[in-house]
Amino acid sequence: MNRLIYLSFALHSVKKLKTLCLFRTTFVSGLNSIRNPRYFSASKQHNMRLVQFQCGGRMSVGAELGKGGDVVDFCAGDASIPSNMKTFVEGGQQMLDAAKQVISSGKHVLKRETVTLRAPINNCDKVLCVGMNYREHCIEQNVPIPTEPIFFSKFASTIVASGDDIIYPDVTEELDWEVELVIVIGKNGKNIQESDAMDHVIGYTVAHDVSARDWQLKKNGGQWLLGKTMDTFCPVGPAIVTKEEISDPHNLGIRCRVNGETRQNSNTNELVFNTMQLIAFISRLLTLRAGDLILTGTPSGVGVFRKPKPIFLKRGDVVECEIDEIGTISNKVV
């Protein structure tokens, strides 16, 4: 009997010891994750918020460690990584793998306050835009929901970063806002099938499709290109969030605020044509190239269709465009 009691006590002691050891291991690991960036979780190492930034007078490409977090400098960690995002994206999986190695090293992390984020990509081959691609936006302007995507374009020279000013051109009196989800193409392709479309996407970002409505809708019967592509008319950012990090690009809250007042508040589940459909459609007509941007359209709430009368931006206004899981861009109209 005494022997049985002794064995029971011994087994109980061993279990307690194992529990204490497990606690110590977990506790120490937790401390290390705080002290040492190498202990970032695997998911954070492989799912990236790609940024293009300026630090000490030089441009570089890196990854933002969470929204508003510190920045890993890819170029400082690997000389083979280019200092502009377009070339980085053109490098495909090889560049992504090299970037992951830099992140995993736990080195070359810059404090956020020492860097200035620029537009995550600014010298792309094409900026493609989609009109009337939210059901509610079609309803607010009393037009039929399209049966095929309606594409137009902006010049890449319109791209600016969050924090840059939007210049109010003297030639317009009807400056309007539009928040949009942006598809960032990661691989060249032509005649892409819907089933293969996501293989050509590296990630998503946010854009403000600034619009001069009088030029877009009235001048000489409507000048969509000119009304959409004046200088500074395409703020983009703050990061390109890789597709693996987005839970569902077609179920994200999307909002626009002017001077803190919500003007647009919707969800990307209102899109008429989704990522795969847009890529399949436009790639029948032209070759998509790595770095190209596709602005997928804006929801309801734009100024031109406000009732009882339109509302337009004025100098001094601050416009914020925000999409869940990606971030917010903010620009002042001057």
Protein backbone atom coordinates (compact mmCIF):
# COMPACT_ATOMS: atom_id res chain seq x y z
CA MET A 1 0.00 0.00 0.00
CA ASN A 2 2.76 2.42 0.95
CA ARG A 3 4.52 1.55 -2.29
CA LEU A 4 1.39 2.41 -4.30
CA ILE A 5 1.05 5.75 -2.51
CA TYR A 6 4.71 6.51 -3.23
CA LEU A 7 4.31 5.68 -6.95
CA SER A 8 1.18 7.84 -7.20
CA PHE A 9 2.98 10.76 -5.54
CA ALA A 10 5.97 10.35 -7.88
CA LEU A 11 3.79 10.36 -11.01
CA HIS A 12 1.97 13.46 -9.79
CA SER A 13 5.31 15.22 -9.21
CA VAL A 14 6.54 14.35 -12.71
CA LYS A 15 3.36 15.82 -14.25
CA LYS A 16 3.82 19.04 -12.27
CA LEU A 17 7.45 19.22 -13.39
CA LYS A 18 6.45 18.83 -17.06
CA THR A 19 3.85 21.56 -16.67
CA LEU A 20 6.41 23.90 -15.12
CA CYS A 21 8.90 23.17 -17.92
CA LEU A 22 6.26 23.83 -20.58
CA PHE A 23 5.33 27.12 -18.88
CA ARG A 24 8.98 28.17 -18.73
CA THR A 25 9.53 27.34 -22.41
CA THR A 26 6.43 29.28 -23.46
CA PHE A 27 7.32 32.23 -21.24
CA VAL A 28 10.90 32.45 -22.53
CA SER A 29 9.74 32.11 -26.11
CA GLY A 30 7.30 34.95 -25.53
CA LEU A 31 10.06 37.14 -24.13
CA ASN A 32 12.27 36.35 -27.11
CA SER A 33 9.49 37.29 -29.53
CA ILE A 34 9.39 40.71 -27.89
CA ARG A 35 13.16 41.18 -27.70
CA ASN A 36 14.15 39.71 -31.03
CA PRO A 37 12.38 40.31 -34.39
CA ARG A 38 13.56 36.88 -35.56
CA TYR A 39 10.73 35.37 -33.55
CA PHE A 40 7.98 36.88 -35.72
CA SER A 41 5.38 34.19 -36.44
CA ALA A 42 5.70 32.25 -39.67
CA SER A 43 2.52 33.81 -41.03
CA LYS A 44 3.96 37.31 -40.62
CA GLN A 45 7.18 36.24 -42.32
CA HIS A 46 5.40 34.97 -45.41
CA ASN A 47 2.52 37.45 -45.72
CA MET A 48 3.88 40.90 -46.43
CA ARG A 49 2.82 44.53 -46.54
CA LEU A 50 5.14 45.71 -49.31
CA VAL A 51 6.18 49.37 -49.23
CA GLN A 52 8.36 51.77 -51.16
CA PHE A 53 10.01 54.30 -48.89
CA GLN A 54 12.60 57.02 -48.54
CA CYS A 55 15.20 57.09 -45.78
CA GLY A 56 18.27 59.30 -45.54
CA GLY A 57 17.84 60.57 -49.07
CA ARG A 58 17.65 57.13 -50.72
CA MET A 59 14.72 55.11 -52.04
CA SER A 60 14.22 51.49 -51.04
CA VAL A 61 11.71 48.66 -51.00
CA GLY A 62 10.67 46.85 -47.85
CA ALA A 63 7.91 45.45 -45.68
CA GLU A 64 5.81 47.21 -43.09
CA LEU A 65 5.58 45.16 -39.89
CA GLY A 66 1.86 45.62 -39.33
CA LYS A 67 -0.20 48.73 -40.08
CA GLY A 68 1.90 51.73 -39.14
CA GLY A 69 4.71 49.52 -37.87
CA ASP A 70 8.47 49.59 -38.35
CA VAL A 71 9.87 48.84 -41.80
CA VAL A 72 12.25 46.06 -42.91
CA ASP A 73 14.69 47.39 -45.52
CA PHE A 74 15.00 44.69 -48.19
CA CYS A 75 17.74 46.48 -50.12
CA ALA A 76 19.96 46.80 -47.05
CA GLY A 77 19.58 43.09 -46.37
CA ASP A 78 20.14 41.82 -49.91
CA ALA A 79 21.97 43.76 -52.63
CA SER A 80 20.16 41.78 -55.34
CA ILE A 81 16.81 43.34 -54.37
CA PRO A 82 16.03 46.44 -56.48
CA SER A 83 15.20 49.78 -54.92
CA ASN A 84 11.92 50.31 -56.80
CA MET A 85 8.74 48.29 -56.48
CA LYS A 86 8.04 47.76 -60.18
CA THR A 87 11.36 45.99 -60.72
CA PHE A 88 10.87 44.06 -57.47
CA VAL A 89 7.45 42.81 -58.61
CA GLU A 90 8.83 41.93 -62.05
CA GLY A 91 11.32 39.67 -60.25
CA GLY A 92 8.47 37.39 -59.25
CA GLN A 93 8.85 34.59 -56.73
CA GLN A 94 12.64 34.90 -56.66
CA MET A 95 12.35 38.45 -55.26
CA LEU A 96 9.64 37.43 -52.79
CA ASP A 97 11.79 34.58 -51.51
CA ALA A 98 14.77 36.91 -51.11
CA ALA A 99 12.58 39.39 -49.22
CA LYS A 100 11.34 36.67 -46.87
CA GLN A 101 14.94 35.78 -46.05
CA VAL A 102 15.64 39.39 -45.08
CA ILE A 103 12.56 39.48 -42.85
CA SER A 104 13.49 36.16 -41.25
CA SER A 105 16.97 37.44 -40.38
CA GLY A 106 15.45 39.91 -37.92
CA LYS A 107 17.89 42.56 -39.13
CA HIS A 108 17.65 45.82 -41.10
CA VAL A 109 14.52 46.99 -39.26
CA LEU A 110 14.03 50.76 -39.43
CA LYS A 111 11.97 52.70 -36.92
CA ARG A 112 8.84 54.00 -38.60
CA GLU A 113 9.57 57.61 -37.69
CA THR A 114 12.85 57.47 -39.67
CA VAL A 115 11.21 56.58 -43.00
CA THR A 116 8.80 58.33 -45.35
CA LEU A 117 6.44 56.03 -47.22
CA ARG A 118 6.03 56.82 -50.89
CA ALA A 119 3.39 55.37 -53.20
CA PRO A 120 3.97 51.58 -53.08
CA ILE A 121 4.38 51.61 -56.86
CA ASN A 122 4.61 54.66 -59.10
CA ASN A 123 6.14 53.79 -62.48
CA CYS A 124 3.83 51.01 -63.63
CA ASP A 125 3.11 50.33 -67.28
CA LYS A 126 -0.67 50.78 -66.96
CA VAL A 127 -3.24 52.21 -64.57
CA LEU A 128 -6.53 50.63 -65.62
CA CYS A 129 -9.82 51.72 -64.07
CA VAL A 130 -13.29 50.19 -64.00
CA GLY A 131 -16.44 52.29 -64.12
CA MET A 132 -19.85 51.51 -62.62
CA ASN A 133 -18.61 48.35 -60.90
CA TYR A 134 -20.66 48.64 -57.69
CA ARG A 135 -24.37 47.85 -57.86
CA GLU A 136 -25.31 50.67 -55.49
CA HIS A 137 -23.21 53.16 -57.49
CA CYS A 138 -25.20 52.25 -60.60
CA ILE A 139 -28.44 52.73 -58.69
CA GLU A 140 -27.46 56.17 -57.36
CA GLN A 141 -26.86 57.44 -60.90
CA ASN A 142 -29.90 55.65 -62.33
CA VAL A 143 -28.05 53.59 -64.93
CA PRO A 144 -28.30 49.87 -65.75
CA ILE A 145 -25.84 47.50 -64.09
CA PRO A 146 -23.25 46.67 -66.80
CA THR A 147 -23.20 43.23 -68.38
CA GLU A 148 -19.50 43.62 -69.24
CA PRO A 149 -16.78 45.58 -67.43
CA ILE A 150 -16.39 49.24 -68.42
CA PHE A 151 -12.68 50.11 -68.59
CA PHE A 152 -10.88 53.44 -68.89
CA SER A 153 -7.40 54.56 -67.84
CA LYS A 154 -5.32 57.07 -65.91
CA PHE A 155 -1.69 57.91 -66.60
CA ALA A 156 0.90 56.60 -64.14
CA SER A 157 2.07 60.21 -63.75
CA THR A 158 -1.07 60.86 -61.66
CA ILE A 159 0.18 58.60 -58.84
CA VAL A 160 1.11 60.23 -55.54
CA ALA A 161 1.57 58.92 -52.00
CA SER A 162 -0.55 59.21 -48.90
CA GLY A 163 0.33 62.55 -47.33
CA ASP A 164 1.02 64.24 -50.66
CA ASP A 165 -1.22 67.13 -51.71
CA ILE A 166 -3.97 66.81 -54.30
CA ILE A 167 -3.65 69.85 -56.56
CA TYR A 168 -7.00 71.46 -57.36
CA PRO A 169 -6.70 72.43 -61.06
CA ASP A 170 -7.90 75.90 -62.01
CA VAL A 171 -9.66 74.40 -65.05
CA THR A 172 -12.28 72.51 -63.00
CA GLU A 173 -15.03 73.49 -60.60
CA GLU A 174 -16.28 69.97 -59.84
CA LEU A 175 -13.58 67.99 -58.03
CA ASP A 176 -14.92 64.72 -56.64
CA TRP A 177 -13.77 61.79 -54.49
CA GLU A 178 -13.77 58.01 -55.17
CA VAL A 179 -12.28 55.33 -52.91
CA GLU A 180 -11.23 52.16 -54.76
CA LEU A 181 -9.75 48.71 -54.16
CA VAL A 182 -6.72 48.19 -56.40
CA ILE A 183 -5.53 44.89 -57.87
CA VAL A 184 -1.74 44.81 -58.30
CA ILE A 185 -0.63 42.52 -61.12
CA GLY A 186 2.34 40.33 -60.21
CA LYS A 187 2.96 38.39 -63.43
CA ASN A 188 2.65 39.13 -67.15
CA GLY A 189 -0.23 37.51 -68.97
CA LYS A 190 -2.54 37.55 -71.99
CA ASN A 191 -5.82 35.66 -72.47
CA ILE A 192 -5.85 34.68 -68.80
CA GLN A 193 -8.61 32.32 -67.69
CA GLU A 194 -10.67 33.19 -64.61
CA SER A 195 -9.42 30.01 -62.95
CA ASP A 196 -5.81 31.19 -63.39
CA ALA A 197 -6.33 34.89 -62.68
CA MET A 198 -5.16 34.89 -59.06
CA ASP A 199 -1.80 33.45 -60.18
CA HIS A 200 -1.23 36.85 -61.80
CA VAL A 201 -2.04 38.91 -58.68
CA ILE A 202 0.62 39.84 -56.12
CA GLY A 203 -1.71 41.78 -53.85
CA TYR A 204 -4.03 44.71 -53.23
CA THR A 205 -3.79 48.36 -52.25
CA VAL A 206 -5.99 51.47 -51.87
CA ALA A 207 -6.47 54.29 -54.38
CA HIS A 208 -8.33 57.59 -54.51
CA ASP A 209 -9.64 58.04 -58.06
CA VAL A 210 -9.84 61.84 -57.97
CA SER A 211 -12.23 63.08 -60.67
CA ALA A 212 -12.96 66.41 -62.36
CA ARG A 213 -16.63 65.77 -63.10
CA ASP A 214 -17.18 68.72 -65.43
CA TRP A 215 -14.42 67.44 -67.70
CA GLN A 216 -15.37 63.79 -67.32
CA LEU A 217 -19.08 64.22 -68.01
CA LYS A 218 -19.64 67.54 -69.82
CA LYS A 219 -16.66 68.87 -71.77
CA ASN A 220 -17.04 68.08 -75.48
CA GLY A 221 -19.53 65.35 -74.69
CA GLY A 222 -17.41 63.89 -71.89
CA GLN A 223 -13.64 63.56 -71.57
CA TRP A 224 -13.12 60.60 -69.24
CA LEU A 225 -9.37 60.47 -69.75
CA LEU A 226 -8.83 64.18 -69.12
CA GLY A 227 -11.30 64.27 -66.24
CA LYS A 228 -9.50 61.44 -64.49
CA THR A 229 -5.84 61.96 -65.27
CA MET A 230 -4.85 65.47 -64.20
CA ASP A 231 -1.74 65.78 -62.04
CA THR A 232 -1.98 64.17 -58.54
CA PHE A 233 -5.34 62.54 -59.37
CA CYS A 234 -4.32 59.07 -58.13
CA PRO A 235 -3.15 58.81 -54.50
CA VAL A 236 -2.15 55.17 -53.82
CA GLY A 237 -1.05 53.30 -50.69
CA PRO A 238 -0.12 52.86 -47.98
CA ALA A 239 1.16 49.36 -48.89
CA ILE A 240 0.68 46.49 -51.30
CA VAL A 241 -0.76 43.78 -49.08
CA THR A 242 0.08 40.37 -50.52
CA LYS A 243 -2.96 38.35 -51.54
CA GLU A 244 -2.26 35.66 -48.92
CA GLU A 245 -2.80 38.19 -46.15
CA ILE A 246 -6.24 39.30 -47.38
CA SER A 247 -8.95 37.10 -45.91
CA ASP A 248 -11.34 37.77 -48.82
CA PRO A 249 -10.78 40.68 -51.24
CA HIS A 250 -14.45 40.54 -52.16
CA ASN A 251 -15.70 41.07 -48.61
CA LEU A 252 -13.82 44.11 -47.29
CA GLY A 253 -15.23 47.27 -45.76
CA ILE A 254 -14.45 50.28 -47.95
CA ARG A 255 -14.87 53.90 -46.83
CA CYS A 256 -14.12 57.50 -47.78
CA ARG A 257 -14.15 60.45 -45.38
CA VAL A 258 -13.91 64.16 -46.14
CA ASN A 259 -12.81 66.28 -43.19
CA GLY A 260 -13.70 63.36 -40.92
CA GLU A 261 -17.24 63.01 -42.28
CA THR A 262 -18.06 59.65 -43.88
CA ARG A 263 -19.08 60.10 -47.53
CA GLN A 264 -18.77 56.50 -48.76
CA ASN A 265 -19.30 53.39 -46.64
CA SER A 266 -19.71 50.06 -48.39
CA ASN A 267 -18.23 46.60 -48.91
CA THR A 268 -16.39 45.03 -51.82
CA ASN A 269 -19.06 42.32 -51.87
CA GLU A 270 -21.06 44.91 -53.85
CA LEU A 271 -18.66 44.60 -56.81
CA VAL A 272 -20.39 43.71 -60.08
CA PHE A 273 -17.24 42.07 -61.51
CA ASN A 274 -14.66 40.52 -59.19
CA THR A 275 -10.87 40.25 -59.48
CA MET A 276 -10.91 37.11 -61.59
CA GLN A 277 -13.57 38.37 -64.00
CA LEU A 278 -11.83 41.72 -64.52
CA ILE A 279 -8.46 40.11 -65.24
CA ALA A 280 -9.94 37.55 -67.63
CA PHE A 281 -11.89 40.23 -69.51
CA ILE A 282 -9.18 42.85 -69.97
CA SER A 283 -6.41 40.33 -70.72
CA ARG A 284 -8.33 39.24 -73.83
CA LEU A 285 -7.67 42.72 -75.20
CA LEU A 286 -4.20 43.61 -73.94
CA THR A 287 -1.23 42.10 -72.13
CA LEU A 288 -1.16 42.67 -68.40
CA ARG A 289 2.32 43.33 -67.05
CA ALA A 290 3.82 42.94 -63.61
CA GLY A 291 3.20 46.13 -61.66
CA ASP A 292 0.05 47.15 -63.54
CA LEU A 293 -2.76 48.53 -61.39
CA ILE A 294 -6.47 47.83 -61.83
CA LEU A 295 -8.71 50.23 -59.90
CA THR A 296 -11.85 48.17 -59.43
CA GLY A 297 -14.44 50.94 -59.16
CA THR A 298 -16.07 53.01 -56.43
CA PRO A 299 -19.20 52.47 -54.32
CA SER A 300 -22.08 54.90 -53.91
CA GLY A 301 -21.71 58.19 -52.08
CA VAL A 302 -19.70 60.26 -54.55
CA GLY A 303 -20.33 64.00 -54.63
CA VAL A 304 -21.71 64.40 -58.13
CA PHE A 305 -24.79 62.26 -57.45
CA ARG A 306 -25.66 63.72 -54.05
CA LYS A 307 -29.24 64.82 -53.47
CA PRO A 308 -30.75 67.37 -53.52
CA LYS A 309 -27.66 68.83 -55.19
CA PRO A 310 -24.06 67.76 -55.86
CA ILE A 311 -21.27 68.38 -53.34
CA PHE A 312 -17.69 68.85 -54.51
CA LEU A 313 -14.28 69.11 -52.88
CA LYS A 314 -12.75 72.47 -52.11
CA ARG A 315 -9.25 73.62 -51.30
CA GLY A 316 -8.32 72.75 -47.72
CA ASP A 317 -10.39 69.55 -47.60
CA VAL A 318 -8.70 66.40 -46.29
CA VAL A 319 -9.79 63.14 -47.93
CA GLU A 320 -9.22 59.75 -46.29
CA CYS A 321 -9.72 56.51 -48.24
CA GLU A 322 -9.75 53.32 -46.19
CA ILE A 323 -10.15 49.60 -46.87
CA ASP A 324 -10.20 46.92 -44.19
CA GLU A 325 -7.03 44.79 -43.89
CA ILE A 326 -5.11 47.17 -46.18
CA GLY A 327 -5.06 50.60 -44.55
CA THR A 328 -5.82 54.29 -45.02
CA ILE A 329 -4.47 57.00 -47.30
CA SER A 330 -4.96 60.67 -46.48
CA ASN A 331 -4.46 63.66 -48.78
CA LYS A 332 -5.17 67.37 -48.55
CA VAL A 333 -6.66 69.32 -51.45
CA VAL A 334 -4.64 72.49 -52.16
